Amino acid sequence: MEQLADHGDGFVVYVSELAQARTVFVQQLPATLTVRAMDAKAQVTFDPQTVAGYRLIGYDDRALADSSFRNDHVDGGEVGAGHTVTALYAVRLREGATGQVARANVRWLDPTTREAGEAADTVTVNDLAVPFTAGAPQLQVCYAAAYFAESLRNSPYGREVRLTDLASVVTDAADQLDDASVGDLAATIRAAAQLR
């Protein structure tokens, strides 16, 4: 189903209970019908002077060649109204690094005019000096969900964190966000931790 959705610029979701179906069909589906950005792409360029290594977490099947970023004939992803997309990277800085870590570019097509838009920003070592617990709760949920997915795939990266720690991160975020689906994720991670 995911492959069909990817090839058809659609989206796929698993629904296992009535409350989830209501959320999908009443809240999420209408938002996907109103596209705000077509063929959206992100490109992150790391500075080798400050970064010793990095890797993208997830999106394995959506990677593009660097040369395809500004090629508007290459398919990207659609972003619906009210939706956000998060790309997570694990980054290892060089000893004593200062200055710029990365430059992030995003590019999209306006769904009405088909005109390309682009925005960019930089990330510095100082930007990364914030404790994880001070980060936005939505980012903490993305982090935990990504590493949980790595764990479910039996990826070697999934062993970098303990599931009980991920469950705690999501539980704390759920308290701040007042979002039942985040609480459900915490419960799912906790249940998976008990099976290991």
N, C-alpha and C. Protein backbone atom coordinates (compact mmCIF):
# COMPACT_ATOMS: atom_id res chain seq x y z
N MET A 1 0.82 -1.19 0.00
CA MET A 1 0.00 0.00 0.00
C MET A 1 0.87 1.26 0.00
N GLU A 2 1.96 1.22 0.79
CA GLU A 2 2.85 2.39 0.84
C GLU A 2 3.48 2.65 -0.53
N GLN A 3 3.87 1.58 -1.22
CA GLN A 3 4.47 1.74 -2.54
C GLN A 3 3.46 2.34 -3.52
N LEU A 4 2.21 1.89 -3.47
CA LEU A 4 1.18 2.45 -4.33
C LEU A 4 0.97 3.93 -4.03
N ALA A 5 0.94 4.26 -2.74
CA ALA A 5 0.74 5.66 -2.34
C ALA A 5 1.90 6.53 -2.81
N ASP A 6 3.13 6.00 -2.68
CA ASP A 6 4.30 6.76 -3.12
C ASP A 6 4.26 7.02 -4.62
N HIS A 7 3.90 6.00 -5.39
CA HIS A 7 3.88 6.16 -6.85
C HIS A 7 2.72 7.02 -7.33
N GLY A 8 1.66 7.07 -6.56
CA GLY A 8 0.50 7.83 -6.98
C GLY A 8 0.33 9.15 -6.27
N ASP A 9 1.37 9.59 -5.56
CA ASP A 9 1.31 10.83 -4.78
C ASP A 9 0.15 10.81 -3.79
N GLY A 10 -0.09 9.65 -3.23
CA GLY A 10 -1.16 9.52 -2.25
C GLY A 10 -0.60 9.37 -0.85
N PHE A 11 -1.43 8.90 0.04
CA PHE A 11 -0.94 8.63 1.39
C PHE A 11 -1.66 7.40 1.90
N VAL A 12 -0.99 6.69 2.79
CA VAL A 12 -1.52 5.45 3.31
C VAL A 12 -1.52 5.53 4.83
N VAL A 13 -2.53 4.96 5.43
CA VAL A 13 -2.61 4.94 6.89
C VAL A 13 -3.28 3.63 7.30
N TYR A 14 -2.82 3.07 8.40
CA TYR A 14 -3.41 1.86 8.95
C TYR A 14 -4.41 2.27 10.02
N VAL A 15 -5.61 1.73 9.93
CA VAL A 15 -6.66 2.04 10.90
C VAL A 15 -7.09 0.74 11.56
N SER A 16 -7.02 0.71 12.90
CA SER A 16 -7.36 -0.52 13.61
C SER A 16 -8.57 -0.38 14.53
N GLU A 17 -9.06 0.83 14.70
CA GLU A 17 -10.23 0.99 15.58
C GLU A 17 -11.06 2.20 15.13
N LEU A 18 -12.27 2.27 15.62
CA LEU A 18 -13.23 3.28 15.20
C LEU A 18 -12.72 4.71 15.45
N ALA A 19 -12.12 4.96 16.60
CA ALA A 19 -11.64 6.31 16.91
C ALA A 19 -10.57 6.74 15.90
N GLN A 20 -9.70 5.81 15.50
CA GLN A 20 -8.68 6.13 14.51
C GLN A 20 -9.33 6.44 13.17
N ALA A 21 -10.34 5.66 12.79
CA ALA A 21 -11.03 5.89 11.52
C ALA A 21 -11.66 7.28 11.50
N ARG A 22 -12.25 7.68 12.61
CA ARG A 22 -12.86 9.01 12.70
C ARG A 22 -11.79 10.09 12.50
N THR A 23 -10.65 9.92 13.17
CA THR A 23 -9.56 10.90 13.04
C THR A 23 -9.07 10.97 11.61
N VAL A 24 -8.87 9.81 10.99
CA VAL A 24 -8.35 9.78 9.62
C VAL A 24 -9.34 10.42 8.65
N PHE A 25 -10.60 10.02 8.71
CA PHE A 25 -11.56 10.48 7.70
C PHE A 25 -12.15 11.85 7.98
N VAL A 26 -12.13 12.29 9.22
CA VAL A 26 -12.70 13.61 9.54
C VAL A 26 -11.63 14.69 9.59
N GLN A 27 -10.44 14.36 10.13
CA GLN A 27 -9.41 15.38 10.30
C GLN A 27 -8.28 15.27 9.27
N GLN A 28 -7.71 14.08 9.11
CA GLN A 28 -6.52 13.95 8.28
C GLN A 28 -6.82 13.94 6.78
N LEU A 29 -7.80 13.17 6.36
CA LEU A 29 -8.10 13.06 4.93
C LEU A 29 -8.47 14.39 4.30
N PRO A 30 -9.36 15.19 4.90
CA PRO A 30 -9.65 16.49 4.28
C PRO A 30 -8.41 17.37 4.11
N ALA A 31 -7.48 17.29 5.07
CA ALA A 31 -6.26 18.09 4.96
C ALA A 31 -5.40 17.64 3.79
N THR A 32 -5.44 16.35 3.46
CA THR A 32 -4.63 15.88 2.33
C THR A 32 -5.26 16.26 1.01
N LEU A 33 -6.52 16.58 1.01
CA LEU A 33 -7.18 16.98 -0.22
C LEU A 33 -6.88 18.42 -0.59
N THR A 34 -6.43 19.21 0.39
CA THR A 34 -6.03 20.58 0.15
C THR A 34 -4.51 20.63 0.17
N VAL A 35 -3.91 20.58 -0.99
CA VAL A 35 -2.45 20.54 -1.09
C VAL A 35 -1.90 21.96 -1.01
N ARG A 36 -0.92 22.16 -0.15
CA ARG A 36 -0.28 23.46 0.01
C ARG A 36 1.05 23.53 -0.74
N ALA A 37 1.68 22.36 -0.92
CA ALA A 37 2.97 22.32 -1.63
C ALA A 37 3.06 21.02 -2.41
N MET A 38 3.34 21.14 -3.69
CA MET A 38 3.49 19.95 -4.54
C MET A 38 4.98 19.68 -4.75
N ASP A 39 5.29 18.41 -4.92
CA ASP A 39 6.68 18.01 -5.20
C ASP A 39 7.68 18.65 -4.25
N ALA A 40 7.32 18.68 -2.98
CA ALA A 40 8.21 19.27 -1.97
C ALA A 40 9.43 18.39 -1.77
N LYS A 41 10.59 19.05 -1.67
CA LYS A 41 11.85 18.34 -1.49
C LYS A 41 12.66 19.08 -0.44
N ALA A 42 13.49 18.34 0.27
CA ALA A 42 14.40 18.94 1.24
C ALA A 42 15.82 18.48 0.91
N GLN A 43 16.76 19.38 1.08
CA GLN A 43 18.17 19.06 0.85
C GLN A 43 18.98 19.66 1.99
N VAL A 44 19.75 18.83 2.65
CA VAL A 44 20.58 19.30 3.76
C VAL A 44 22.04 19.06 3.36
N THR A 45 22.83 20.12 3.43
CA THR A 45 24.25 20.04 3.09
C THR A 45 25.04 20.30 4.37
N PHE A 46 25.83 19.30 4.78
CA PHE A 46 26.60 19.41 6.01
C PHE A 46 27.98 19.96 5.72
N ASP A 47 28.47 20.78 6.65
CA ASP A 47 29.79 21.38 6.53
C ASP A 47 30.84 20.39 7.02
N PRO A 48 31.74 19.92 6.16
CA PRO A 48 32.73 18.93 6.57
C PRO A 48 33.75 19.47 7.58
N GLN A 49 33.81 20.79 7.73
CA GLN A 49 34.71 21.37 8.73
C GLN A 49 34.20 21.15 10.15
N THR A 50 32.89 21.04 10.30
CA THR A 50 32.31 20.88 11.64
C THR A 50 31.67 19.52 11.86
N VAL A 51 31.34 18.80 10.79
CA VAL A 51 30.61 17.53 10.91
C VAL A 51 31.52 16.36 10.54
N ALA A 52 31.68 15.45 11.49
CA ALA A 52 32.51 14.26 11.25
C ALA A 52 31.70 13.16 10.55
N GLY A 53 30.38 13.12 10.79
CA GLY A 53 29.54 12.12 10.15
C GLY A 53 28.07 12.43 10.38
N TYR A 54 27.23 11.90 9.51
CA TYR A 54 25.79 12.09 9.64
C TYR A 54 25.07 10.97 8.90
N ARG A 55 23.80 10.79 9.25
CA ARG A 55 22.95 9.86 8.51
C ARG A 55 21.50 10.27 8.66
N LEU A 56 20.75 10.08 7.61
CA LEU A 56 19.32 10.35 7.61
C LEU A 56 18.61 9.19 8.30
N ILE A 57 17.66 9.51 9.16
CA ILE A 57 16.89 8.47 9.84
C ILE A 57 15.54 8.38 9.15
N GLY A 58 15.29 7.26 8.51
CA GLY A 58 14.05 7.06 7.76
C GLY A 58 14.16 7.64 6.36
N TYR A 59 13.06 7.67 5.65
CA TYR A 59 12.98 8.19 4.29
C TYR A 59 13.91 7.44 3.33
N ASP A 60 14.28 6.20 3.66
CA ASP A 60 15.19 5.44 2.81
C ASP A 60 14.69 5.33 1.37
N ASP A 61 13.38 5.23 1.22
CA ASP A 61 12.81 5.04 -0.12
C ASP A 61 12.49 6.36 -0.82
N ARG A 62 12.83 7.48 -0.20
CA ARG A 62 12.51 8.78 -0.80
C ARG A 62 13.75 9.60 -1.13
N ALA A 63 14.92 9.01 -1.01
CA ALA A 63 16.16 9.75 -1.26
C ALA A 63 16.26 10.14 -2.73
N LEU A 64 16.77 11.34 -2.97
CA LEU A 64 16.97 11.87 -4.32
C LEU A 64 18.44 12.20 -4.54
N ALA A 65 18.86 12.14 -5.77
CA ALA A 65 20.21 12.59 -6.10
C ALA A 65 20.28 14.10 -5.90
N ASP A 66 21.44 14.60 -5.50
CA ASP A 66 21.62 16.04 -5.29
C ASP A 66 21.21 16.84 -6.53
N SER A 67 21.50 16.29 -7.70
CA SER A 67 21.20 16.98 -8.95
C SER A 67 19.68 17.08 -9.22
N SER A 68 18.88 16.29 -8.52
CA SER A 68 17.43 16.29 -8.73
C SER A 68 16.70 17.33 -7.90
N PHE A 69 17.41 17.97 -6.96
CA PHE A 69 16.73 18.89 -6.05
C PHE A 69 16.03 20.02 -6.79
N ARG A 70 16.67 20.64 -7.73
CA ARG A 70 16.06 21.77 -8.45
C ARG A 70 15.43 21.34 -9.78
N ASN A 71 15.37 20.06 -10.04
CA ASN A 71 14.71 19.56 -11.24
C ASN A 71 13.23 19.38 -10.91
N ASP A 72 12.40 20.29 -11.38
CA ASP A 72 10.98 20.27 -11.04
C ASP A 72 10.21 19.16 -11.74
N HIS A 73 10.88 18.39 -12.57
CA HIS A 73 10.23 17.23 -13.20
C HIS A 73 10.42 15.97 -12.36
N VAL A 74 11.28 16.05 -11.34
CA VAL A 74 11.49 14.93 -10.44
C VAL A 74 10.46 15.02 -9.32
N ASP A 75 9.77 13.92 -9.10
CA ASP A 75 8.68 13.87 -8.13
C ASP A 75 9.18 14.03 -6.70
N GLY A 76 8.52 14.90 -5.96
CA GLY A 76 8.77 15.05 -4.53
C GLY A 76 7.51 14.62 -3.79
N GLY A 77 7.31 15.11 -2.59
CA GLY A 77 6.13 14.75 -1.82
C GLY A 77 5.15 15.91 -1.75
N GLU A 78 3.90 15.59 -1.57
CA GLU A 78 2.88 16.62 -1.42
C GLU A 78 2.69 16.91 0.07
N VAL A 79 2.46 18.18 0.40
CA VAL A 79 2.23 18.58 1.78
C VAL A 79 0.86 19.22 1.84
N GLY A 80 -0.01 18.63 2.64
CA GLY A 80 -1.37 19.12 2.77
C GLY A 80 -1.49 20.23 3.80
N ALA A 81 -2.62 20.88 3.79
CA ALA A 81 -2.89 21.96 4.74
C ALA A 81 -2.80 21.42 6.17
N GLY A 82 -2.09 22.13 7.01
CA GLY A 82 -1.97 21.73 8.40
C GLY A 82 -0.98 20.60 8.64
N HIS A 83 -0.31 20.12 7.62
CA HIS A 83 0.65 19.04 7.78
C HIS A 83 2.07 19.60 7.86
N THR A 84 2.93 18.88 8.52
CA THR A 84 4.35 19.20 8.55
C THR A 84 5.13 17.95 8.18
N VAL A 85 6.34 18.15 7.75
CA VAL A 85 7.23 17.05 7.40
C VAL A 85 8.52 17.27 8.17
N THR A 86 9.03 16.23 8.79
CA THR A 86 10.25 16.34 9.57
C THR A 86 11.28 15.36 9.03
N ALA A 87 12.46 15.85 8.74
CA ALA A 87 13.59 15.00 8.36
C ALA A 87 14.56 14.99 9.54
N LEU A 88 14.88 13.80 10.03
CA LEU A 88 15.77 13.67 11.18
C LEU A 88 17.13 13.15 10.74
N TYR A 89 18.15 13.76 11.25
CA TYR A 89 19.52 13.33 10.99
C TYR A 89 20.22 13.05 12.32
N ALA A 90 20.99 12.00 12.36
CA ALA A 90 21.93 11.78 13.47
C ALA A 90 23.24 12.39 13.01
N VAL A 91 23.77 13.33 13.77
CA VAL A 91 24.96 14.09 13.37
C VAL A 91 26.03 13.94 14.45
N ARG A 92 27.25 13.67 14.01
CA ARG A 92 28.40 13.61 14.91
C ARG A 92 29.32 14.78 14.56
N LEU A 93 29.48 15.69 15.52
CA LEU A 93 30.32 16.88 15.29
C LEU A 93 31.79 16.56 15.53
N ARG A 94 32.63 17.31 14.87
CA ARG A 94 34.07 17.20 15.10
C ARG A 94 34.40 17.79 16.47
N GLU A 95 35.46 17.30 17.08
CA GLU A 95 35.92 17.80 18.37
C GLU A 95 36.16 19.31 18.29
N GLY A 96 35.57 20.07 19.20
CA GLY A 96 35.78 21.51 19.27
C GLY A 96 35.13 22.29 18.13
N ALA A 97 34.16 21.69 17.45
CA ALA A 97 33.51 22.35 16.30
C ALA A 97 32.81 23.63 16.72
N THR A 98 32.90 24.62 15.84
CA THR A 98 32.17 25.88 16.01
C THR A 98 31.66 26.31 14.63
N GLY A 99 30.68 27.19 14.63
CA GLY A 99 30.19 27.73 13.37
C GLY A 99 29.05 26.92 12.77
N GLN A 100 28.94 26.96 11.45
CA GLN A 100 27.83 26.34 10.73
C GLN A 100 27.97 24.83 10.68
N VAL A 101 26.86 24.14 10.95
CA VAL A 101 26.80 22.69 10.85
C VAL A 101 26.22 22.28 9.50
N ALA A 102 25.14 22.93 9.12
CA ALA A 102 24.46 22.53 7.89
C ALA A 102 23.65 23.67 7.31
N ARG A 103 23.35 23.53 6.04
CA ARG A 103 22.42 24.43 5.36
C ARG A 103 21.26 23.55 4.87
N ALA A 104 20.05 23.94 5.22
CA ALA A 104 18.86 23.20 4.83
C ALA A 104 18.08 24.01 3.80
N ASN A 105 17.79 23.39 2.67
CA ASN A 105 16.98 24.01 1.62
C ASN A 105 15.71 23.21 1.44
N VAL A 106 14.61 23.89 1.24
CA VAL A 106 13.36 23.23 0.86
C VAL A 106 12.87 23.86 -0.44
N ARG A 107 12.28 23.04 -1.29
CA ARG A 107 11.78 23.50 -2.58
C ARG A 107 10.43 22.84 -2.82
N TRP A 108 9.53 23.58 -3.45
CA TRP A 108 8.18 23.06 -3.70
C TRP A 108 7.60 23.79 -4.91
N LEU A 109 6.51 23.23 -5.40
CA LEU A 109 5.74 23.88 -6.46
C LEU A 109 4.42 24.34 -5.89
N ASP A 110 4.03 25.56 -6.24
CA ASP A 110 2.73 26.08 -5.83
C ASP A 110 1.66 25.25 -6.54
N PRO A 111 0.69 24.70 -5.81
CA PRO A 111 -0.31 23.83 -6.45
C PRO A 111 -1.20 24.54 -7.47
N THR A 112 -1.34 25.85 -7.37
CA THR A 112 -2.19 26.59 -8.30
C THR A 112 -1.41 27.07 -9.52
N THR A 113 -0.28 27.71 -9.27
CA THR A 113 0.48 28.32 -10.37
C THR A 113 1.56 27.41 -10.94
N ARG A 114 1.93 26.36 -10.19
CA ARG A 114 3.02 25.46 -10.56
C ARG A 114 4.38 26.17 -10.57
N GLU A 115 4.45 27.33 -9.93
CA GLU A 115 5.71 28.05 -9.83
C GLU A 115 6.51 27.49 -8.66
N ALA A 116 7.83 27.41 -8.86
CA ALA A 116 8.71 26.87 -7.82
C ALA A 116 8.96 27.92 -6.74
N GLY A 117 8.99 27.46 -5.51
CA GLY A 117 9.36 28.29 -4.38
C GLY A 117 10.50 27.60 -3.65
N GLU A 118 11.32 28.39 -3.01
CA GLU A 118 12.46 27.81 -2.30
C GLU A 118 12.79 28.65 -1.08
N ALA A 119 13.18 28.00 -0.02
CA ALA A 119 13.61 28.67 1.20
C ALA A 119 14.80 27.92 1.78
N ALA A 120 15.62 28.63 2.53
CA ALA A 120 16.81 28.01 3.11
C ALA A 120 17.11 28.63 4.47
N ASP A 121 17.81 27.87 5.28
CA ASP A 121 18.26 28.37 6.56
C ASP A 121 19.49 27.56 6.96
N THR A 122 20.21 28.05 7.95
CA THR A 122 21.40 27.35 8.40
C THR A 122 21.21 26.87 9.83
N VAL A 123 21.99 25.86 10.20
CA VAL A 123 22.03 25.33 11.56
C VAL A 123 23.47 25.49 12.03
N THR A 124 23.64 26.05 13.22
CA THR A 124 24.97 26.26 13.77
C THR A 124 25.19 25.35 14.98
N VAL A 125 26.43 25.26 15.40
CA VAL A 125 26.75 24.48 16.60
C VAL A 125 25.98 25.04 17.79
N ASN A 126 25.85 26.36 17.89
CA ASN A 126 25.10 26.96 19.00
C ASN A 126 23.63 26.54 18.98
N ASP A 127 23.05 26.36 17.79
CA ASP A 127 21.66 25.90 17.69
C ASP A 127 21.49 24.52 18.31
N LEU A 128 22.54 23.72 18.25
CA LEU A 128 22.48 22.34 18.76
C LEU A 128 22.83 22.24 20.23
N ALA A 129 23.20 23.36 20.84
CA ALA A 129 23.62 23.35 22.24
C ALA A 129 22.45 23.34 23.22
N VAL A 130 21.25 23.20 22.73
CA VAL A 130 20.06 23.18 23.57
C VAL A 130 19.83 21.75 24.07
N PRO A 131 19.55 21.56 25.35
CA PRO A 131 19.27 20.19 25.83
C PRO A 131 18.05 19.59 25.11
N PHE A 132 18.09 18.29 24.89
CA PHE A 132 17.00 17.59 24.19
C PHE A 132 15.66 17.85 24.87
N THR A 133 15.65 17.84 26.18
CA THR A 133 14.40 18.02 26.92
C THR A 133 13.81 19.41 26.76
N ALA A 134 14.62 20.38 26.29
CA ALA A 134 14.13 21.74 26.07
C ALA A 134 13.59 21.90 24.65
N GLY A 135 13.74 20.89 23.82
CA GLY A 135 13.25 20.96 22.45
C GLY A 135 11.73 20.89 22.39
N ALA A 136 11.19 21.22 21.25
CA ALA A 136 9.73 21.17 21.06
C ALA A 136 9.23 19.74 21.27
N PRO A 137 8.10 19.57 21.94
CA PRO A 137 7.59 18.21 22.17
C PRO A 137 7.30 17.46 20.86
N GLN A 138 6.90 18.19 19.82
CA GLN A 138 6.65 17.54 18.53
C GLN A 138 7.94 16.92 17.99
N LEU A 139 9.06 17.61 18.14
CA LEU A 139 10.35 17.08 17.70
C LEU A 139 10.73 15.85 18.52
N GLN A 140 10.46 15.89 19.81
CA GLN A 140 10.76 14.74 20.66
C GLN A 140 9.94 13.52 20.23
N VAL A 141 8.70 13.73 19.85
CA VAL A 141 7.86 12.62 19.37
C VAL A 141 8.42 12.07 18.06
N CYS A 142 8.82 12.96 17.15
CA CYS A 142 9.42 12.52 15.88
C CYS A 142 10.67 11.68 16.13
N TYR A 143 11.51 12.14 17.03
CA TYR A 143 12.73 11.42 17.40
C TYR A 143 12.39 10.01 17.89
N ALA A 144 11.47 9.94 18.85
CA ALA A 144 11.11 8.65 19.44
C ALA A 144 10.46 7.73 18.41
N ALA A 145 9.58 8.27 17.58
CA ALA A 145 8.92 7.46 16.56
C ALA A 145 9.93 6.92 15.55
N ALA A 146 10.90 7.75 15.16
CA ALA A 146 11.91 7.32 14.20
C ALA A 146 12.77 6.20 14.77
N TYR A 147 13.22 6.35 16.00
CA TYR A 147 14.05 5.30 16.59
C TYR A 147 13.24 4.05 16.90
N PHE A 148 11.96 4.22 17.21
CA PHE A 148 11.09 3.05 17.41
C PHE A 148 10.96 2.29 16.09
N ALA A 149 10.79 3.01 15.00
CA ALA A 149 10.71 2.36 13.68
C ALA A 149 12.01 1.63 13.37
N GLU A 150 13.15 2.24 13.70
CA GLU A 150 14.45 1.58 13.49
C GLU A 150 14.51 0.28 14.30
N SER A 151 13.99 0.33 15.52
CA SER A 151 13.98 -0.86 16.37
C SER A 151 13.09 -1.95 15.79
N LEU A 152 11.92 -1.57 15.30
CA LEU A 152 11.00 -2.55 14.71
C LEU A 152 11.58 -3.20 13.46
N ARG A 153 12.42 -2.44 12.73
CA ARG A 153 13.06 -2.97 11.51
C ARG A 153 14.29 -3.81 11.83
N ASN A 154 14.60 -3.94 13.12
CA ASN A 154 15.82 -4.63 13.55
C ASN A 154 17.06 -3.99 12.96
N SER A 155 17.02 -2.70 12.78
CA SER A 155 18.16 -1.94 12.29
C SER A 155 19.21 -1.85 13.39
N PRO A 156 20.48 -1.86 13.04
CA PRO A 156 21.51 -1.68 14.09
C PRO A 156 21.34 -0.34 14.81
N TYR A 157 20.78 0.66 14.13
CA TYR A 157 20.57 1.96 14.76
C TYR A 157 19.48 1.90 15.81
N GLY A 158 18.57 0.96 15.67
CA GLY A 158 17.51 0.80 16.66
C GLY A 158 18.02 0.36 18.01
N ARG A 159 19.23 -0.16 18.05
CA ARG A 159 19.83 -0.59 19.31
C ARG A 159 20.56 0.55 20.02
N GLU A 160 20.59 1.73 19.39
CA GLU A 160 21.29 2.87 19.99
C GLU A 160 20.54 3.45 21.19
N VAL A 161 19.24 3.19 21.27
CA VAL A 161 18.43 3.70 22.37
C VAL A 161 17.56 2.57 22.93
N ARG A 162 17.20 2.71 24.20
CA ARG A 162 16.33 1.71 24.83
C ARG A 162 14.87 2.11 24.62
N LEU A 163 14.03 1.11 24.38
CA LEU A 163 12.61 1.38 24.17
C LEU A 163 11.97 2.03 25.39
N THR A 164 12.40 1.66 26.58
CA THR A 164 11.83 2.28 27.79
C THR A 164 12.14 3.77 27.83
N ASP A 165 13.34 4.15 27.34
CA ASP A 165 13.69 5.57 27.29
C ASP A 165 12.82 6.30 26.26
N LEU A 166 12.60 5.65 25.12
CA LEU A 166 11.74 6.25 24.09
C LEU A 166 10.32 6.44 24.62
N ALA A 167 9.82 5.45 25.34
CA ALA A 167 8.47 5.54 25.91
C ALA A 167 8.38 6.71 26.88
N SER A 168 9.42 6.94 27.66
CA SER A 168 9.43 8.07 28.61
C SER A 168 9.42 9.40 27.86
N VAL A 169 10.20 9.48 26.78
CA VAL A 169 10.23 10.71 25.98
C VAL A 169 8.84 11.02 25.44
N VAL A 170 8.17 10.00 24.90
CA VAL A 170 6.84 10.20 24.31
C VAL A 170 5.80 10.51 25.38
N THR A 171 5.91 9.86 26.53
CA THR A 171 4.97 10.14 27.63
C THR A 171 5.07 11.59 28.07
N ASP A 172 6.30 12.08 28.23
CA ASP A 172 6.49 13.49 28.62
C ASP A 172 5.92 14.42 27.55
N ALA A 173 6.15 14.10 26.28
CA ALA A 173 5.64 14.94 25.19
C ALA A 173 4.11 14.90 25.16
N ALA A 174 3.53 13.72 25.41
CA ALA A 174 2.07 13.58 25.40
C ALA A 174 1.44 14.48 26.46
N ASP A 175 2.08 14.59 27.61
CA ASP A 175 1.58 15.46 28.67
C ASP A 175 1.54 16.91 28.22
N GLN A 176 2.53 17.32 27.43
CA GLN A 176 2.60 18.71 26.96
C GLN A 176 1.65 18.97 25.80
N LEU A 177 1.46 17.96 24.95
CA LEU A 177 0.68 18.17 23.72
C LEU A 177 -0.81 17.91 23.89
N ASP A 178 -1.20 17.15 24.91
CA ASP A 178 -2.60 16.79 25.09
C ASP A 178 -3.15 16.16 23.81
N ASP A 179 -2.42 15.15 23.30
CA ASP A 179 -2.78 14.47 22.05
C ASP A 179 -2.88 12.98 22.33
N ALA A 180 -4.07 12.43 22.17
CA ALA A 180 -4.30 11.02 22.48
C ALA A 180 -3.43 10.10 21.62
N SER A 181 -3.16 10.46 20.37
CA SER A 181 -2.36 9.59 19.51
C SER A 181 -0.92 9.51 20.01
N VAL A 182 -0.42 10.57 20.63
CA VAL A 182 0.93 10.54 21.19
C VAL A 182 0.94 9.62 22.41
N GLY A 183 -0.11 9.68 23.20
CA GLY A 183 -0.24 8.74 24.33
C GLY A 183 -0.31 7.30 23.86
N ASP A 184 -1.01 7.08 22.74
CA ASP A 184 -1.09 5.72 22.17
C ASP A 184 0.29 5.24 21.72
N LEU A 185 1.09 6.14 21.14
CA LEU A 185 2.44 5.78 20.73
C LEU A 185 3.27 5.39 21.94
N ALA A 186 3.15 6.13 23.02
CA ALA A 186 3.90 5.80 24.24
C ALA A 186 3.51 4.41 24.74
N ALA A 187 2.22 4.10 24.74
CA ALA A 187 1.76 2.79 25.19
C ALA A 187 2.27 1.68 24.27
N THR A 188 2.29 1.93 22.97
CA THR A 188 2.78 0.94 22.02
C THR A 188 4.26 0.66 22.23
N ILE A 189 5.04 1.71 22.43
CA ILE A 189 6.49 1.54 22.66
C ILE A 189 6.71 0.78 23.97
N ARG A 190 5.94 1.13 25.00
CA ARG A 190 6.07 0.43 26.27
C ARG A 190 5.74 -1.06 26.12
N ALA A 191 4.69 -1.37 25.36
CA ALA A 191 4.33 -2.78 25.14
C ALA A 191 5.42 -3.51 24.39
N ALA A 192 6.02 -2.86 23.39
CA ALA A 192 7.11 -3.48 22.64
C ALA A 192 8.32 -3.72 23.54
N ALA A 193 8.57 -2.79 24.46
CA ALA A 193 9.71 -2.95 25.37
C ALA A 193 9.54 -4.17 26.27
N GLN A 194 8.30 -4.46 26.65
CA GLN A 194 8.04 -5.62 27.51
C GLN A 194 8.22 -6.92 26.75
N LEU A 195 8.06 -6.90 25.43
CA LEU A 195 8.23 -8.12 24.63
C LEU A 195 9.69 -8.42 24.34
N ARG A 196 10.56 -7.47 24.56
CA ARG A 196 11.99 -7.66 24.23
C ARG A 196 12.73 -8.28 25.36
